[in-house]
Amino acid sequence: MVKRLKLNEKVLRDAEPKPRVSYQIFDTDVIGFAARVQASGAHSQAA
């Protein structure tokens, strides 16, 4: 199941990196917009 949350600064700041795995959090309002959380803890946006 795809994780969908209303993306905002707090959600991204609180996103926990997972060891050796990157994952995406999809936005509930903008279809196809997501933030990727890297295993290193870095965050990036994808459309």
PDB file of N, CA and C in Angstrom:
ATOM      1  N   MET A   1       0.829  -1.182   0.000  1.00  0.00           N
ATOM      2  CA  MET A   1       0.000   0.000   0.000  1.00  0.00           C
ATOM      3  C   MET A   1       0.871   1.241   0.000  1.00  0.00           C
ATOM      4  N   VAL A   2       0.493   2.201  -0.806  1.00  0.00           N
ATOM      5  CA  VAL A   2       1.256   3.437  -0.912  1.00  0.00           C
ATOM      6  C   VAL A   2       0.928   4.336   0.269  1.00  0.00           C
ATOM      7  N   LYS A   3       1.974   4.907   0.875  1.00  0.00           N
ATOM      8  CA  LYS A   3       1.776   5.800   2.007  1.00  0.00           C
ATOM      9  C   LYS A   3       1.414   7.182   1.480  1.00  0.00           C
ATOM     10  N   ARG A   4       0.246   7.708   1.866  1.00  0.00           N
ATOM     11  CA  ARG A   4      -0.210   9.032   1.441  1.00  0.00           C
ATOM     12  C   ARG A   4      -0.474   9.894   2.673  1.00  0.00           C
ATOM     13  N   LEU A   5       0.130  11.079   2.678  1.00  0.00           N
ATOM     14  CA  LEU A   5      -0.058  12.050   3.749  1.00  0.00           C
ATOM     15  C   LEU A   5      -0.156  13.431   3.131  1.00  0.00           C
ATOM     16  N   LYS A   6      -0.745  14.360   3.839  1.00  0.00           N
ATOM     17  CA  LYS A   6      -0.730  15.743   3.391  1.00  0.00           C
ATOM     18  C   LYS A   6       0.690  16.253   3.659  1.00  0.00           C
ATOM     19  N   LEU A   7       1.461  16.436   2.596  1.00  0.00           N
ATOM     20  CA  LEU A   7       2.861  16.820   2.746  1.00  0.00           C
ATOM     21  C   LEU A   7       2.966  18.262   3.242  1.00  0.00           C
ATOM     22  N   ASN A   8       3.746  18.433   4.275  1.00  0.00           N
ATOM     23  CA  ASN A   8       4.080  19.753   4.787  1.00  0.00           C
ATOM     24  C   ASN A   8       5.457  19.656   5.436  1.00  0.00           C
ATOM     25  N   GLU A   9       5.947  20.777   5.914  1.00  0.00           N
ATOM     26  CA  GLU A   9       7.301  20.815   6.465  1.00  0.00           C
ATOM     27  C   GLU A   9       7.471  19.861   7.648  1.00  0.00           C
ATOM     28  N   LYS A  10       6.486  19.777   8.524  1.00  0.00           N
ATOM     29  CA  LYS A  10       6.590  18.911   9.704  1.00  0.00           C
ATOM     30  C   LYS A  10       6.656  17.435   9.310  1.00  0.00           C
ATOM     31  N   VAL A  11       5.826  17.025   8.357  1.00  0.00           N
ATOM     32  CA  VAL A  11       5.830  15.628   7.909  1.00  0.00           C
ATOM     33  C   VAL A  11       7.205  15.258   7.367  1.00  0.00           C
ATOM     34  N   LEU A  12       7.780  16.135   6.549  1.00  0.00           N
ATOM     35  CA  LEU A  12       9.098  15.845   5.970  1.00  0.00           C
ATOM     36  C   LEU A  12      10.198  15.868   7.021  1.00  0.00           C
ATOM     37  N   ARG A  13      10.121  16.793   7.942  1.00  0.00           N
ATOM     38  CA  ARG A  13      11.141  16.879   9.002  1.00  0.00           C
ATOM     39  C   ARG A  13      11.092  15.647   9.896  1.00  0.00           C
ATOM     40  N   ASP A  14       9.894  15.100  10.141  1.00  0.00           N
ATOM     41  CA  ASP A  14       9.728  13.952  11.033  1.00  0.00           C
ATOM     42  C   ASP A  14       9.895  12.600  10.335  1.00  0.00           C
ATOM     43  N   ALA A  15      10.039  12.595   9.007  1.00  0.00           N
ATOM     44  CA  ALA A  15      10.192  11.328   8.274  1.00  0.00           C
ATOM     45  C   ALA A  15      11.512  10.661   8.680  1.00  0.00           C
ATOM     46  N   GLU A  16      11.417   9.440   9.122  1.00  0.00           N
ATOM     47  CA  GLU A  16      12.583   8.692   9.598  1.00  0.00           C
ATOM     48  C   GLU A  16      13.222   7.902   8.462  1.00  0.00           C
ATOM     49  N   PRO A  17      14.537   8.023   8.268  1.00  0.00           N
ATOM     50  CA  PRO A  17      15.205   7.182   7.267  1.00  0.00           C
ATOM     51  C   PRO A  17      15.220   5.725   7.709  1.00  0.00           C
ATOM     52  N   LYS A  18      15.145   4.834   6.731  1.00  0.00           N
ATOM     53  CA  LYS A  18      15.207   3.398   7.013  1.00  0.00           C
ATOM     54  C   LYS A  18      16.556   2.888   6.506  1.00  0.00           C
ATOM     55  N   PRO A  19      17.234   2.044   7.269  1.00  0.00           N
ATOM     56  CA  PRO A  19      18.554   1.554   6.866  1.00  0.00           C
ATOM     57  C   PRO A  19      18.526   0.870   5.494  1.00  0.00           C
ATOM     58  N   ARG A  20      19.411   1.271   4.608  1.00  0.00           N
ATOM     59  CA  ARG A  20      19.630   0.674   3.283  1.00  0.00           C
ATOM     60  C   ARG A  20      18.414   0.719   2.365  1.00  0.00           C
ATOM     61  N   VAL A  21      17.393   1.532   2.695  1.00  0.00           N
ATOM     62  CA  VAL A  21      16.178   1.586   1.879  1.00  0.00           C
ATOM     63  C   VAL A  21      15.724   3.040   1.738  1.00  0.00           C
ATOM     64  N   SER A  22      15.366   3.429   0.512  1.00  0.00           N
ATOM     65  CA  SER A  22      14.713   4.721   0.333  1.00  0.00           C
ATOM     66  C   SER A  22      13.229   4.459   0.082  1.00  0.00           C
ATOM     67  N   TYR A  23      12.395   5.416   0.440  1.00  0.00           N
ATOM     68  CA  TYR A  23      10.951   5.251   0.241  1.00  0.00           C
ATOM     69  C   TYR A  23      10.323   6.587  -0.106  1.00  0.00           C
ATOM     70  N   GLN A  24       9.091   6.556  -0.614  1.00  0.00           N
ATOM     71  CA  GLN A  24       8.383   7.763  -1.000  1.00  0.00           C
ATOM     72  C   GLN A  24       7.140   7.938  -0.139  1.00  0.00           C
ATOM     73  N   ILE A  25       6.832   9.202   0.136  1.00  0.00           N
ATOM     74  CA  ILE A  25       5.584   9.569   0.797  1.00  0.00           C
ATOM     75  C   ILE A  25       4.816  10.409  -0.222  1.00  0.00           C
ATOM     76  N   PHE A  26       3.666   9.928  -0.664  1.00  0.00           N
ATOM     77  CA  PHE A  26       2.876  10.626  -1.670  1.00  0.00           C
ATOM     78  C   PHE A  26       1.928  11.618  -1.010  1.00  0.00           C
ATOM     79  N   ASP A  27       1.695  12.735  -1.701  1.00  0.00           N
ATOM     80  CA  ASP A  27       0.798  13.774  -1.212  1.00  0.00           C
ATOM     81  C   ASP A  27      -0.653  13.382  -1.451  1.00  0.00           C
ATOM     82  N   THR A  28      -1.535  13.763  -0.537  1.00  0.00           N
ATOM     83  CA  THR A  28      -2.960  13.458  -0.688  1.00  0.00           C
ATOM     84  C   THR A  28      -3.657  14.451  -1.608  1.00  0.00           C
ATOM     85  N   ASP A  29      -3.131  15.674  -1.736  1.00  0.00           N
ATOM     86  CA  ASP A  29      -3.787  16.722  -2.527  1.00  0.00           C
ATOM     87  C   ASP A  29      -3.335  16.759  -3.977  1.00  0.00           C
ATOM     88  N   VAL A  30      -2.040  16.608  -4.227  1.00  0.00           N
ATOM     89  CA  VAL A  30      -1.489  16.702  -5.579  1.00  0.00           C
ATOM     90  C   VAL A  30      -1.141  15.288  -6.052  1.00  0.00           C
ATOM     91  N   ILE A  31      -1.959  14.761  -6.943  1.00  0.00           N
ATOM     92  CA  ILE A  31      -1.759  13.400  -7.442  1.00  0.00           C
ATOM     93  C   ILE A  31      -0.429  13.316  -8.198  1.00  0.00           C
ATOM     94  N   GLY A  32       0.378  12.328  -7.866  1.00  0.00           N
ATOM     95  CA  GLY A  32       1.667  12.121  -8.525  1.00  0.00           C
ATOM     96  C   GLY A  32       2.827  12.841  -7.860  1.00  0.00           C
ATOM     97  N   PHE A  33       2.571  13.694  -6.869  1.00  0.00           N
ATOM     98  CA  PHE A  33       3.640  14.414  -6.174  1.00  0.00           C
ATOM     99  C   PHE A  33       4.052  13.620  -4.948  1.00  0.00           C
ATOM    100  N   ALA A  34       5.365  13.463  -4.775  1.00  0.00           N
ATOM    101  CA  ALA A  34       5.863  12.678  -3.650  1.00  0.00           C
ATOM    102  C   ALA A  34       7.186  13.244  -3.137  1.00  0.00           C
ATOM    103  N   ALA A  35       7.499  12.896  -1.921  1.00  0.00           N
ATOM    104  CA  ALA A  35       8.801  13.200  -1.342  1.00  0.00           C
ATOM    105  C   ALA A  35       9.506  11.871  -1.108  1.00  0.00           C
ATOM    106  N   ARG A  36      10.766  11.799  -1.510  1.00  0.00           N
ATOM    107  CA  ARG A  36      11.556  10.583  -1.306  1.00  0.00           C
ATOM    108  C   ARG A  36      12.459  10.794  -0.100  1.00  0.00           C
ATOM    109  N   VAL A  37      12.478   9.795   0.782  1.00  0.00           N
ATOM    110  CA  VAL A  37      13.360   9.815   1.957  1.00  0.00           C
ATOM    111  C   VAL A  37      14.448   8.789   1.695  1.00  0.00           C
ATOM    112  N   GLN A  38      15.685   9.266   1.629  1.00  0.00           N
ATOM    113  CA  GLN A  38      16.831   8.393   1.356  1.00  0.00           C
ATOM    114  C   GLN A  38      17.308   7.727   2.642  1.00  0.00           C
ATOM    115  N   ALA A  39      17.995   6.638   2.514  1.00  0.00           N
ATOM    116  CA  ALA A  39      18.549   5.927   3.674  1.00  0.00           C
ATOM    117  C   ALA A  39      19.524   6.805   4.440  1.00  0.00           C
ATOM    118  N   SER A  40      20.176   7.751   3.744  1.00  0.00           N
ATOM    119  CA  SER A  40      21.121   8.655   4.389  1.00  0.00           C
ATOM    120  C   SER A  40      20.427   9.724   5.214  1.00  0.00           C
ATOM    121  N   GLY A  41      19.105   9.861   5.038  1.00  0.00           N
ATOM    122  CA  GLY A  41      18.350  10.887   5.745  1.00  0.00           C
ATOM    123  C   GLY A  41      18.017  12.087   4.876  1.00  0.00           C
ATOM    124  N   ALA A  42      18.562  12.122   3.660  1.00  0.00           N
ATOM    125  CA  ALA A  42      18.277  13.229   2.745  1.00  0.00           C
ATOM    126  C   ALA A  42      16.844  13.117   2.221  1.00  0.00           C
ATOM    127  N   HIS A  43      16.239  14.269   1.928  1.00  0.00           N
ATOM    128  CA  HIS A  43      14.890  14.322   1.394  1.00  0.00           C
ATOM    129  C   HIS A  43      14.943  14.964   0.014  1.00  0.00           C
ATOM    130  N   SER A  44      14.109  14.490  -0.907  1.00  0.00           N
ATOM    131  CA  SER A  44      13.984  15.122  -2.224  1.00  0.00           C
ATOM    132  C   SER A  44      12.537  15.036  -2.661  1.00  0.00           C
ATOM    133  N   GLN A  45      12.172  15.893  -3.618  1.00  0.00           N
ATOM    134  CA  GLN A  45      10.803  15.930  -4.125  1.00  0.00           C
ATOM    135  C   GLN A  45      10.770  15.357  -5.523  1.00  0.00           C
ATOM    136  N   ALA A  46       9.682  14.708  -5.845  1.00  0.00           N
ATOM    137  CA  ALA A  46       9.507  14.126  -7.185  1.00  0.00           C
ATOM    138  C   ALA A  46       8.100  14.428  -7.657  1.00  0.00           C
ATOM    139  N   ALA A  47       7.993  14.704  -8.929  1.00  0.00           N
ATOM    140  CA  ALA A  47       6.661  14.946  -9.500  1.00  0.00           C
ATOM    141  C   ALA A  47       6.391  13.955 -10.594  1.00  0.00           C
TER     142      ALA A  47
END
